[in-house]
C-alpha atoms as a PDB file:
ATOM      1  CA  MET A   1       0.000   0.000   0.000  1.00  0.00           C
ATOM      2  CA  ARG A   2       2.875   2.357   0.799  1.00  0.00           C
ATOM      3  CA  ARG A   3       4.459   1.727  -2.612  1.00  0.00           C
ATOM      4  CA  LEU A   4       1.125   2.270  -4.334  1.00  0.00           C
ATOM      5  CA  LEU A   5       0.648   5.524  -2.439  1.00  0.00           C
ATOM      6  CA  TRP A   6       4.077   6.829  -3.406  1.00  0.00           C
ATOM      7  CA  LEU A   7       3.518   5.784  -7.011  1.00  0.00           C
ATOM      8  CA  SER A   8       0.214   7.665  -7.093  1.00  0.00           C
ATOM      9  CA  VAL A   9       1.854  10.786  -5.653  1.00  0.00           C
ATOM     10  CA  VAL A  10       4.679  10.678  -8.206  1.00  0.00           C
ATOM     11  CA  ALA A  11       2.187  10.183 -11.062  1.00  0.00           C
ATOM     12  CA  ALA A  12       0.043  13.093  -9.843  1.00  0.00           C
ATOM     13  CA  VAL A  13       3.073  15.396  -9.572  1.00  0.00           C
ATOM     14  CA  ALA A  14       4.271  14.380 -13.047  1.00  0.00           C
ATOM     15  CA  ILE A  15       0.856  15.070 -14.596  1.00  0.00           C
ATOM     16  CA  ALA A  16       0.417  18.406 -12.818  1.00  0.00           C
ATOM     17  CA  TYR A  17       3.984  19.682 -13.291  1.00  0.00           C
ATOM     18  CA  PRO A  18       3.562  21.558 -16.619  1.00  0.00           C
ATOM     19  CA  LEU A  19       0.271  23.039 -15.437  1.00  0.00           C
ATOM     20  CA  LEU A  20       1.740  24.398 -12.208  1.00  0.00           C
ATOM     21  CA  LEU A  21       5.097  25.464 -13.682  1.00  0.00           C
ATOM     22  CA  SER A  22       3.885  26.828 -16.980  1.00  0.00           C
ATOM     23  CA  SER A  23       6.768  28.959 -18.260  1.00  0.00           C
ATOM     24  CA  PRO A  24       8.312  27.789 -21.574  1.00  0.00           C
ATOM     25  CA  PHE A  25      11.670  27.093 -19.902  1.00  0.00           C
ATOM     26  CA  GLN A  26      10.100  24.985 -17.139  1.00  0.00           C
ATOM     27  CA  GLN A  27       7.975  22.979 -19.594  1.00  0.00           C
ATOM     28  CA  ARG A  28      10.964  22.372 -21.838  1.00  0.00           C
ATOM     29  CA  LEU A  29      13.022  21.329 -18.805  1.00  0.00           C
ATOM     30  CA  GLY A  30      10.334  18.842 -17.773  1.00  0.00           C
ATOM     31  CA  ALA A  31      10.158  17.388 -21.283  1.00  0.00           C
ATOM     32  CA  LEU A  32      13.945  16.941 -21.373  1.00  0.00           C
ATOM     33  CA  VAL A  33      13.913  15.195 -17.978  1.00  0.00           C
ATOM     34  CA  LEU A  34      11.341  12.697 -19.258  1.00  0.00           C
ATOM     35  CA  LEU A  35      13.177  12.220 -22.560  1.00  0.00           C
ATOM     36  CA  TYR A  36      16.474  11.390 -20.903  1.00  0.00           C
ATOM     37  CA  ALA A  37      14.670   9.255 -18.307  1.00  0.00           C
ATOM     38  CA  ILE A  38      13.383   7.123 -21.219  1.00  0.00           C
ATOM     39  CA  ALA A  39      16.904   6.717 -22.608  1.00  0.00           C
ATOM     40  CA  ALA A  40      18.419   6.005 -19.168  1.00  0.00           C
ATOM     41  CA  SER A  41      15.656   3.488 -18.342  1.00  0.00           C
ATOM     42  CA  ALA A  42      16.375   1.706 -21.624  1.00  0.00           C
ATOM     43  CA  TRP A  43      20.104   1.600 -20.800  1.00  0.00           C
ATOM     44  CA  ASN A  44      19.230   0.329 -17.310  1.00  0.00           C
ATOM     45  CA  ILE A  45      17.988  -2.972 -18.738  1.00  0.00           C
ATOM     46  CA  VAL A  46      21.422  -4.031 -19.916  1.00  0.00           C
ATOM     47  CA  GLY A  47      23.609  -1.814 -17.727  1.00  0.00           C
ATOM     48  CA  GLY A  48      21.690  -2.052 -14.451  1.00  0.00           C
ATOM     49  CA  TYR A  49      19.978  -5.433 -14.443  1.00  0.00           C
ATOM     50  CA  ALA A  50      22.518  -7.358 -16.540  1.00  0.00           C
ATOM     51  CA  GLY A  51      25.589  -5.499 -15.286  1.00  0.00           C
ATOM     52  CA  GLN A  52      26.970  -4.977 -18.804  1.00  0.00           C
ATOM     53  CA  ILE A  53      28.163  -1.345 -18.764  1.00  0.00           C
ATOM     54  CA  SER A  54      27.623  -0.152 -22.321  1.00  0.00           C
ATOM     55  CA  VAL A  55      29.278   3.230 -22.944  1.00  0.00           C
ATOM     56  CA  GLY A  56      28.491   3.065 -26.659  1.00  0.00           C
ATOM     57  CA  HIS A  57      24.729   2.909 -26.307  1.00  0.00           C
ATOM     58  CA  VAL A  58      24.483   6.165 -28.247  1.00  0.00           C
ATOM     59  CA  VAL A  59      24.698   4.144 -31.460  1.00  0.00           C
ATOM     60  CA  PHE A  60      21.138   2.899 -30.836  1.00  0.00           C
ATOM     61  CA  PHE A  61      20.023   6.405 -29.891  1.00  0.00           C
ATOM     62  CA  GLY A  62      21.359   7.517 -33.255  1.00  0.00           C
ATOM     63  CA  CYS A  63      19.521   4.709 -35.077  1.00  0.00           C
ATOM     64  CA  GLY A  64      16.201   6.094 -33.884  1.00  0.00           C
ATOM     65  CA  ALA A  65      17.129   9.733 -34.516  1.00  0.00           C
ATOM     66  CA  TYR A  66      18.373   9.126 -38.070  1.00  0.00           C
ATOM     67  CA  ALA A  67      15.449   6.827 -38.896  1.00  0.00           C
ATOM     68  CA  ALA A  68      12.948   9.496 -37.818  1.00  0.00           C
ATOM     69  CA  MET A  69      14.641  12.350 -39.689  1.00  0.00           C
ATOM     70  CA  GLY A  70      15.423  10.113 -42.672  1.00  0.00           C
ATOM     71  CA  ALA A  71      11.750   9.218 -43.087  1.00  0.00           C
ATOM     72  CA  TYR A  72      11.039  12.882 -43.803  1.00  0.00           C
ATOM     73  CA  ALA A  73      14.268  13.982 -45.496  1.00  0.00           C
ATOM     74  CA  LYS A  74      14.505  11.013 -47.887  1.00  0.00           C
ATOM     75  CA  PHE A  75      10.922   9.847 -48.361  1.00  0.00           C
ATOM     76  CA  GLY A  76       8.766  12.825 -47.409  1.00  0.00           C
ATOM     77  CA  LEU A  77       6.996  10.846 -44.700  1.00  0.00           C
ATOM     78  CA  SER A  78       6.218  11.892 -41.155  1.00  0.00           C
ATOM     79  CA  PRO A  79       9.171  11.300 -38.785  1.00  0.00           C
ATOM     80  CA  LEU A  80       6.733   9.202 -36.766  1.00  0.00           C
ATOM     81  CA  PHE A  81       6.888   6.510 -39.467  1.00  0.00           C
ATOM     82  CA  GLY A  82      10.624   6.217 -38.976  1.00  0.00           C
ATOM     83  CA  ILE A  83      10.277   4.904 -35.416  1.00  0.00           C
ATOM     84  CA  PRO A  84       9.512   1.247 -36.361  1.00  0.00           C
ATOM     85  CA  GLY A  85      12.441   1.260 -38.772  1.00  0.00           C
ATOM     86  CA  GLY A  86      14.698   2.656 -36.052  1.00  0.00           C
ATOM     87  CA  ILE A  87      13.582  -0.038 -33.618  1.00  0.00           C
ATOM     88  CA  VAL A  88      14.270  -2.831 -36.128  1.00  0.00           C
ATOM     89  CA  LEU A  89      17.623  -1.296 -37.098  1.00  0.00           C
ATOM     90  CA  ALA A  90      18.717  -0.847 -33.476  1.00  0.00           C
ATOM     91  CA  ALA A  91      17.652  -4.357 -32.422  1.00  0.00           C
ATOM     92  CA  GLY A  92      19.361  -5.901 -35.454  1.00  0.00           C
ATOM     93  CA  LEU A  93      22.533  -3.906 -34.869  1.00  0.00           C
ATOM     94  CA  ALA A  94      22.481  -4.925 -31.194  1.00  0.00           C
ATOM     95  CA  ALA A  95      22.302  -8.572 -32.250  1.00  0.00           C
ATOM     96  CA  VAL A  96      25.275  -8.159 -34.592  1.00  0.00           C
ATOM     97  CA  ILE A  97      27.307  -6.227 -32.020  1.00  0.00           C
ATOM     98  CA  GLY A  98      26.193  -8.288 -29.037  1.00  0.00           C
ATOM     99  CA  VAL A  99      27.195 -11.742 -30.266  1.00  0.00           C
ATOM    100  CA  PRO A 100      30.952 -11.022 -30.135  1.00  0.00           C
ATOM    101  CA  THR A 101      31.088  -8.234 -27.519  1.00  0.00           C
ATOM    102  CA  LEU A 102      28.861  -9.773 -24.841  1.00  0.00           C
ATOM    103  CA  ARG A 103      31.493 -12.459 -24.388  1.00  0.00           C
ATOM    104  CA  LEU A 104      33.505  -9.690 -22.748  1.00  0.00           C
ATOM    105  CA  SER A 105      32.830  -8.228 -19.306  1.00  0.00           C
ATOM    106  CA  GLY A 106      33.755  -5.237 -17.212  1.00  0.00           C
ATOM    107  CA  HIS A 107      35.807  -2.472 -18.800  1.00  0.00           C
ATOM    108  CA  TYR A 108      36.624  -4.680 -21.810  1.00  0.00           C
ATOM    109  CA  PHE A 109      32.956  -4.675 -22.842  1.00  0.00           C
ATOM    110  CA  SER A 110      32.746  -0.925 -22.208  1.00  0.00           C
ATOM    111  CA  MET A 111      35.761  -0.234 -24.425  1.00  0.00           C
ATOM    112  CA  ALA A 112      34.361  -2.458 -27.182  1.00  0.00           C
ATOM    113  CA  THR A 113      31.067  -0.535 -27.206  1.00  0.00           C
ATOM    114  CA  ILE A 114      32.936   2.795 -27.310  1.00  0.00           C
ATOM    115  CA  ALA A 115      34.897   1.575 -30.337  1.00  0.00           C
ATOM    116  CA  VAL A 116      31.680   0.546 -32.118  1.00  0.00           C
ATOM    117  CA  ALA A 117      29.977   3.859 -31.359  1.00  0.00           C
ATOM    118  CA  GLU A 118      32.916   5.947 -32.563  1.00  0.00           C
ATOM    119  CA  THR A 119      33.205   3.830 -35.714  1.00  0.00           C
ATOM    120  CA  MET A 120      29.519   4.383 -36.489  1.00  0.00           C
ATOM    121  CA  ARG A 121      29.868   8.130 -35.881  1.00  0.00           C
ATOM    122  CA  LEU A 122      32.773   8.346 -38.328  1.00  0.00           C
ATOM    123  CA  ILE A 123      30.882   6.309 -40.929  1.00  0.00           C
ATOM    124  CA  VAL A 124      27.810   8.553 -40.680  1.00  0.00           C
ATOM    125  CA  THR A 125      29.973  11.703 -40.745  1.00  0.00           C
ATOM    126  CA  ASN A 126      31.426  10.616 -44.093  1.00  0.00           C
ATOM    127  CA  THR A 127      28.199   9.332 -45.678  1.00  0.00           C
ATOM    128  CA  ASP A 128      26.509  11.920 -47.875  1.00  0.00           C
ATOM    129  CA  TYR A 129      23.214  10.009 -48.010  1.00  0.00           C
ATOM    130  CA  LEU A 130      22.885  10.485 -44.229  1.00  0.00           C
ATOM    131  CA  GLY A 131      23.705  14.182 -44.424  1.00  0.00           C
ATOM    132  CA  ALA A 132      27.382  13.682 -43.563  1.00  0.00           C
ATOM    133  CA  ALA A 133      28.587  16.273 -41.034  1.00  0.00           C
ATOM    134  CA  VAL A 134      25.626  18.565 -41.784  1.00  0.00           C
ATOM    135  CA  GLY A 135      22.988  16.067 -40.653  1.00  0.00           C
ATOM    136  CA  LEU A 136      19.316  15.701 -41.513  1.00  0.00           C
ATOM    137  CA  SER A 137      16.434  18.050 -40.771  1.00  0.00           C
ATOM    138  CA  GLY A 138      12.761  17.400 -40.145  1.00  0.00           C
ATOM    139  CA  PRO A 139       9.765  19.421 -41.351  1.00  0.00           C
ATOM    140  CA  THR A 140      10.215  23.142 -40.704  1.00  0.00           C
ATOM    141  CA  VAL A 141       6.449  23.674 -40.662  1.00  0.00           C
ATOM    142  CA  PRO A 142       4.128  20.944 -39.341  1.00  0.00           C
ATOM    143  CA  ARG A 143       2.024  19.528 -42.176  1.00  0.00           C
ATOM    144  CA  ASN A 144      -0.235  17.477 -39.926  1.00  0.00           C
ATOM    145  CA  ILE A 145      -0.405  16.139 -36.380  1.00  0.00           C
ATOM    146  CA  PHE A 146       1.646  13.070 -37.333  1.00  0.00           C
ATOM    147  CA  ASP A 147       4.722  15.246 -37.854  1.00  0.00           C
ATOM    148  CA  LEU A 148       4.757  15.769 -34.053  1.00  0.00           C
ATOM    149  CA  SER A 149       6.192  19.242 -34.567  1.00  0.00           C
ATOM    150  CA  PHE A 150       4.877  21.610 -31.903  1.00  0.00           C
ATOM    151  CA  LEU A 151       5.756  25.180 -30.976  1.00  0.00           C
ATOM    152  CA  SER A 152       5.181  24.491 -27.276  1.00  0.00           C
ATOM    153  CA  SER A 153       6.967  21.895 -25.145  1.00  0.00           C
ATOM    154  CA  LEU A 154       3.693  20.934 -23.436  1.00  0.00           C
ATOM    155  CA  PRO A 155       2.598  18.304 -26.047  1.00  0.00           C
ATOM    156  CA  TYR A 156       6.105  16.817 -25.994  1.00  0.00           C
ATOM    157  CA  TYR A 157       5.976  16.628 -22.202  1.00  0.00           C
ATOM    158  CA  TYR A 158       2.826  14.516 -22.116  1.00  0.00           C
ATOM    159  CA  LEU A 159       3.958  12.403 -25.084  1.00  0.00           C
ATOM    160  CA  PHE A 160       7.248  11.643 -23.332  1.00  0.00           C
ATOM    161  CA  LEU A 161       5.397  10.939 -20.076  1.00  0.00           C
ATOM    162  CA  VAL A 162       3.298   8.256 -21.804  1.00  0.00           C
ATOM    163  CA  ILE A 163       6.368   6.698 -23.471  1.00  0.00           C
ATOM    164  CA  LEU A 164       8.240   6.722 -20.143  1.00  0.00           C
ATOM    165  CA  ALA A 165       5.322   4.976 -18.430  1.00  0.00           C
ATOM    166  CA  ILE A 166       5.351   2.292 -21.155  1.00  0.00           C
ATOM    167  CA  THR A 167       9.137   1.922 -20.851  1.00  0.00           C
ATOM    168  CA  LEU A 168       8.929   1.517 -17.067  1.00  0.00           C
ATOM    169  CA  LEU A 169       6.096  -0.989 -17.455  1.00  0.00           C
ATOM    170  CA  ILE A 170       8.178  -3.057 -19.894  1.00  0.00           C
ATOM    171  CA  THR A 171      11.162  -2.867 -17.535  1.00  0.00           C
ATOM    172  CA  TRP A 172       9.026  -3.912 -14.548  1.00  0.00           C
ATOM    173  CA  TRP A 173       7.602  -6.836 -16.507  1.00  0.00           C
ATOM    174  CA  MET A 174      11.097  -7.892 -17.605  1.00  0.00           C
ATOM    175  CA  ALA A 175      12.531  -7.582 -14.088  1.00  0.00           C
ATOM    176  CA  ASN A 176       9.802  -9.813 -12.640  1.00  0.00           C
ATOM    177  CA  SER A 177       9.916 -12.399 -15.402  1.00  0.00           C
ATOM    178  CA  ARG A 178      12.245 -15.364 -15.775  1.00  0.00           C
ATOM    179  CA  MET A 179      14.518 -13.171 -17.879  1.00  0.00           C
ATOM    180  CA  GLY A 180      14.885 -10.703 -15.016  1.00  0.00           C
ATOM    181  CA  PHE A 181      15.797 -13.437 -12.536  1.00  0.00           C
ATOM    182  CA  TYR A 182      18.359 -14.804 -14.988  1.00  0.00           C
ATOM    183  CA  LEU A 183      19.885 -11.343 -15.451  1.00  0.00           C
ATOM    184  CA  ARG A 184      20.249 -10.756 -11.714  1.00  0.00           C
ATOM    185  CA  ALA A 185      21.884 -14.161 -11.306  1.00  0.00           C
ATOM    186  CA  ILE A 186      24.243 -13.463 -14.200  1.00  0.00           C
ATOM    187  CA  LYS A 187      25.130 -10.067 -12.744  1.00  0.00           C
ATOM    188  CA  ASP A 188      26.000 -11.608  -9.365  1.00  0.00           C
ATOM    189  CA  SER A 189      28.047 -14.444 -10.853  1.00  0.00           C
ATOM    190  CA  GLU A 190      27.821 -15.520 -14.479  1.00  0.00           C
ATOM    191  CA  ARG A 191      29.793 -18.683 -13.861  1.00  0.00           C
ATOM    192  CA  ALA A 192      27.471 -19.758 -11.040  1.00  0.00           C
ATOM    193  CA  ALA A 193      24.401 -18.894 -13.132  1.00  0.00           C
ATOM    194  CA  ARG A 194      25.688 -21.021 -16.018  1.00  0.00           C
ATOM    195  CA  SER A 195      26.380 -23.929 -13.670  1.00  0.00           C
ATOM    196  CA  LEU A 196      22.736 -23.800 -12.554  1.00  0.00           C
ATOM    197  CA  GLY A 197      21.479 -23.940 -16.131  1.00  0.00           C
ATOM    198  CA  ALA A 198      20.812 -20.250 -16.860  1.00  0.00           C
ATOM    199  CA  PRO A 199      21.261 -19.456 -20.587  1.00  0.00           C
ATOM    200  CA  ALA A 200      23.619 -16.546 -19.925  1.00  0.00           C
ATOM    201  CA  SER A 201      24.657 -15.666 -23.486  1.00  0.00           C
ATOM    202  CA  ARG A 202      21.130 -15.771 -24.899  1.00  0.00           C
ATOM    203  CA  THR A 203      19.632 -13.836 -21.974  1.00  0.00           C
ATOM    204  CA  LYS A 204      22.230 -11.062 -22.182  1.00  0.00           C
ATOM    205  CA  LEU A 205      21.706 -10.801 -25.939  1.00  0.00           C
ATOM    206  CA  TYR A 206      17.919 -10.502 -25.522  1.00  0.00           C
ATOM    207  CA  ALA A 207      18.407  -7.806 -22.860  1.00  0.00           C
ATOM    208  CA  PHE A 208      20.846  -5.966 -25.133  1.00  0.00           C
ATOM    209  CA  MET A 209      18.382  -6.042 -28.034  1.00  0.00           C
ATOM    210  CA  LEU A 210      15.457  -4.900 -25.876  1.00  0.00           C
ATOM    211  CA  SER A 211      17.552  -2.087 -24.424  1.00  0.00           C
ATOM    212  CA  ALA A 212      18.670  -1.041 -27.914  1.00  0.00           C
ATOM    213  CA  ALA A 213      15.101  -0.981 -29.250  1.00  0.00           C
ATOM    214  CA  LEU A 214      13.859   1.259 -26.422  1.00  0.00           C
ATOM    215  CA  THR A 215      16.907   3.513 -26.721  1.00  0.00           C
ATOM    216  CA  SER A 216      16.128   4.028 -30.420  1.00  0.00           C
ATOM    217  CA  VAL A 217      12.653   5.265 -29.457  1.00  0.00           C
ATOM    218  CA  ALA A 218      14.282   7.878 -27.203  1.00  0.00           C
ATOM    219  CA  GLY A 219      16.533   8.922 -30.078  1.00  0.00           C
ATOM    220  CA  ALA A 220      13.571   9.298 -32.436  1.00  0.00           C
ATOM    221  CA  LEU A 221      11.687  11.417 -29.876  1.00  0.00           C
ATOM    222  CA  TYR A 222      14.774  13.592 -29.396  1.00  0.00           C
ATOM    223  CA  ALA A 223      15.070  14.191 -33.139  1.00  0.00           C
ATOM    224  CA  MET A 224      11.362  15.005 -33.477  1.00  0.00           C
ATOM    225  CA  MET A 225      11.491  17.480 -30.599  1.00  0.00           C
ATOM    226  CA  PHE A 226      14.530  19.343 -31.971  1.00  0.00           C
ATOM    227  CA  GLY A 227      13.724  18.744 -35.650  1.00  0.00           C
ATOM    228  CA  PHE A 228      17.330  17.974 -36.502  1.00  0.00           C
ATOM    229  CA  VAL A 229      20.070  15.389 -36.064  1.00  0.00           C
ATOM    230  CA  ASP A 230      23.767  15.371 -36.926  1.00  0.00           C
ATOM    231  CA  PRO A 231      26.643  13.045 -35.966  1.00  0.00           C
ATOM    232  CA  GLU A 232      27.397  14.995 -32.786  1.00  0.00           C
ATOM    233  CA  SER A 233      23.842  15.356 -31.457  1.00  0.00           C
ATOM    234  CA  GLY A 234      22.779  11.844 -32.496  1.00  0.00           C
ATOM    235  CA  LEU A 235      25.964   9.803 -32.099  1.00  0.00           C
ATOM    236  CA  GLY A 236      28.205  11.830 -29.765  1.00  0.00           C
ATOM    237  CA  ILE A 237      29.769   9.738 -27.017  1.00  0.00           C
ATOM    238  CA  LEU A 238      28.780  12.368 -24.424  1.00  0.00           C
ATOM    239  CA  ILE A 239      25.146  11.250 -24.816  1.00  0.00           C
ATOM    240  CA  SER A 240      26.084   7.738 -23.690  1.00  0.00           C
ATOM    241  CA  VAL A 241      28.036   9.114 -20.742  1.00  0.00           C
ATOM    242  CA  LYS A 242      25.095  11.295 -19.750  1.00  0.00           C
ATOM    243  CA  ILE A 243      22.637   8.385 -19.915  1.00  0.00           C
ATOM    244  CA  LEU A 244      24.969   6.139 -17.932  1.00  0.00           C
ATOM    245  CA  ILE A 245      25.494   8.724 -15.185  1.00  0.00           C
ATOM    246  CA  MET A 246      21.753   9.338 -14.843  1.00  0.00           C
ATOM    247  CA  ALA A 247      21.092   5.653 -14.249  1.00  0.00           C
ATOM    248  CA  ALA A 248      24.048   5.282 -11.867  1.00  0.00           C
ATOM    249  CA  LEU A 249      23.197   8.457  -9.957  1.00  0.00           C
ATOM    250  CA  GLY A 250      19.604   7.430  -9.307  1.00  0.00           C
ATOM    251  CA  GLY A 251      20.322   3.732  -8.899  1.00  0.00           C
ATOM    252  CA  ALA A 252      21.313   1.308 -11.662  1.00  0.00           C
ATOM    253  CA  GLY A 253      19.248  -1.864 -11.537  1.00  0.00           C
ATOM    254  CA  LEU A 254      16.347  -0.071  -9.805  1.00  0.00           C
ATOM    255  CA  LEU A 255      13.134   0.680 -11.680  1.00  0.00           C
ATOM    256  CA  PHE A 256      12.936   4.401 -10.860  1.00  0.00           C
ATOM    257  CA  GLY A 257      16.670   5.003 -10.534  1.00  0.00           C
ATOM    258  CA  PRO A 258      17.108   6.480 -14.047  1.00  0.00           C
ATOM    259  CA  LEU A 259      14.156   8.832 -13.535  1.00  0.00           C
ATOM    260  CA  VAL A 260      15.642  10.154 -10.281  1.00  0.00           C
ATOM    261  CA  GLY A 261      19.035  10.603 -11.939  1.00  0.00           C
ATOM    262  CA  ALA A 262      17.507  12.454 -14.895  1.00  0.00           C
ATOM    263  CA  ALA A 263      15.497  14.697 -12.551  1.00  0.00           C
ATOM    264  CA  ILE A 264      18.775  15.776 -10.912  1.00  0.00           C
ATOM    265  CA  LEU A 265      21.240  15.886 -13.795  1.00  0.00           C
ATOM    266  CA  VAL A 266      19.148  17.501 -16.564  1.00  0.00           C
ATOM    267  CA  PRO A 267      18.126  20.587 -14.517  1.00  0.00           C
ATOM    268  CA  LEU A 268      21.718  20.909 -13.285  1.00  0.00           C
ATOM    269  CA  GLU A 269      23.016  20.929 -16.861  1.00  0.00           C
ATOM    270  CA  GLU A 270      20.314  23.222 -18.257  1.00  0.00           C
ATOM    271  CA  ILE A 271      20.602  25.764 -15.436  1.00  0.00           C
ATOM    272  CA  SER A 272      24.411  25.861 -15.640  1.00  0.00           C
ATOM    273  CA  ASN A 273      24.211  26.326 -19.418  1.00  0.00           C
ATOM    274  CA  SER A 274      21.683  29.159 -19.063  1.00  0.00           C
ATOM    275  CA  TRP A 275      23.830  30.909 -16.439  1.00  0.00           C
ATOM    276  CA  LEU A 276      27.195  30.496 -18.137  1.00  0.00           C
ATOM    277  CA  GLY A 277      26.111  30.436 -21.792  1.00  0.00           C
ATOM    278  CA  GLY A 278      28.809  29.279 -24.201  1.00  0.00           C
ATOM    279  CA  LYS A 279      31.461  29.538 -21.475  1.00  0.00           C
ATOM    280  CA  GLY A 280      29.909  26.584 -19.653  1.00  0.00           C
ATOM    281  CA  ALA A 281      30.317  24.065 -22.492  1.00  0.00           C
ATOM    282  CA  GLY A 282      33.487  22.559 -21.018  1.00  0.00           C
ATOM    283  CA  LEU A 283      32.047  22.635 -17.497  1.00  0.00           C
ATOM    284  CA  THR A 284      29.685  19.795 -18.442  1.00  0.00           C
ATOM    285  CA  PHE A 285      32.608  17.374 -18.716  1.00  0.00           C
ATOM    286  CA  VAL A 286      33.956  18.504 -15.350  1.00  0.00           C
ATOM    287  CA  VAL A 287      30.556  17.997 -13.686  1.00  0.00           C
ATOM    288  CA  TYR A 288      30.120  14.540 -15.224  1.00  0.00           C
ATOM    289  CA  GLY A 289      33.603  13.504 -14.104  1.00  0.00           C
ATOM    290  CA  ALA A 290      32.992  14.775 -10.563  1.00  0.00           C
ATOM    291  CA  ILE A 291      29.669  12.915 -10.361  1.00  0.00           C
ATOM    292  CA  ILE A 292      31.297   9.661 -11.503  1.00  0.00           C
ATOM    293  CA  VAL A 293      33.998   9.993  -8.828  1.00  0.00           C
ATOM    294  CA  LEU A 294      31.477  10.808  -6.076  1.00  0.00           C
ATOM    295  CA  ILE A 295      29.175   7.918  -7.022  1.00  0.00           C
ATOM    296  CA  ALA A 296      32.051   5.439  -7.166  1.00  0.00           C
ATOM    297  CA  ARG A 297      33.485   6.645  -3.843  1.00  0.00           C
ATOM    298  CA  PHE A 298      30.452   7.212  -1.652  1.00  0.00           C
ATOM    299  CA  GLN A 299      27.314   5.642  -3.151  1.00  0.00           C
ATOM    300  CA  PRO A 300      27.916   2.988  -5.837  1.00  0.00           C
ATOM    301  CA  GLY A 301      24.304   1.825  -5.556  1.00  0.00           C
ATOM    302  CA  GLY A 302      22.848   5.251  -6.367  1.00  0.00           C
ATOM    303  CA  ILE A 303      20.578   7.592  -4.435  1.00  0.00           C
ATOM    304  CA  LEU A 304      17.580   5.248  -4.237  1.00  0.00           C
ATOM    305  CA  SER A 305      19.692   2.546  -2.596  1.00  0.00           C
ATOM    306  CA  LEU A 306      19.931   4.844   0.449  1.00  0.00           C
ATOM    307  CA  PHE A 307      16.191   4.515   1.013  1.00  0.00           C
ATOM    308  CA  LYS A 308      16.313   0.746   0.559  1.00  0.00           C
ATOM    309  CA  ARG A 309      19.167   0.535   3.068  1.00  0.00           C
ATOM    310  CA  ARG A 310      17.224   2.572   5.644  1.00  0.00           C
ATOM    311  CA  ALA A 311      14.084   0.460   5.189  1.00  0.00           C
ATOM    312  CA  LYS A 312      15.922  -2.846   5.581  1.00  0.00           C
ATOM    313  CA  PRO A 313      16.860  -2.494   9.292  1.00  0.00           C
ATOM    314  CA  ASN A 314      13.219  -1.799  10.109  1.00  0.00           C
ATOM    315  CA  VAL A 315      12.171  -4.996   8.364  1.00  0.00           C
ATOM    316  CA  ASP A 316      14.885  -6.994  10.124  1.00  0.00           C
ATOM    317  CA  LYS A 317      13.925  -5.481  13.480  1.00  0.00           C
ATOM    318  CA  GLY A 318      10.299  -6.482  13.014  1.00  0.00           C
ATOM    319  CA  ALA A 319      11.321  -9.968  11.936  1.00  0.00           C
ATOM    320  CA  GLY A 320      13.424 -10.380  15.076  1.00  0.00           C
ATOM    321  CA  HIS A 321      10.352 -10.036  17.317  1.00  0.00           C
ATOM    322  CA  ALA A 322       8.311 -12.536  15.324  1.00  0.00           C
ATOM    323  CA  PRO A 323       7.373 -15.673  17.265  1.00  0.00           C
END
């Protein structure tokens, strides 16, 4: 009942936020928090539950962004029709990448994903059909509602809120299914999980593909909101770092961890950029580095793990008095 109550409060606050804080900056900030929460929640499936720290996840983000903008720029269709293609492309690419790289673990897997992401960025940068370094643009003027091109951030906010709810529902279902139990066992000890009959390689590959597909949706939504994508905004390694830090800051492997991390990191970045302007571009890297060091040193489990740790002694204390 307590969890249901907290969930209802969070849902009510999320729905009422753009109505109570109605300035354009505040609505845009809320939409960006939800957008990055979608991407971080998608990363959380493979990085949090499976323990495979992918730093090159931006390649799947870029699949969705380029598929959405390509649908309009190359075929004259609504960017919305590019989302299914981005999902298929991202899942297929994850299968191709995952078969060799998921044999690795720890920082070896992370370095392999970085290499793949940088290779894809260089390929796109030198491919004229994909706009090369200039990128691809969406419709400048909305032709119909399916273009999802709005002047206000309010429609994007509620669209992203629905997609985030679906993403969290899929993650919750996965975490409580056989696949989720396999992933937690593999994360604790892959060798022990294999000895007990868990199909480790297949389960990690499925998680990688599911994570990639959901990440591509976030990339497509990003491109539709900004109406533009280029190699830096769609495939820049800083996007992967940002997504990773959000999940780790809130609590990797926890359902609402990425949302908490996004709610802290996105406002911090946007406010610092608005205060410092162009001078604060390099400060972003300093902030990200400081957050990584602080998380690793003081709270590896993320912010939400603090609440779980405080609740556990109370449960143990009550259990001690049981007859």
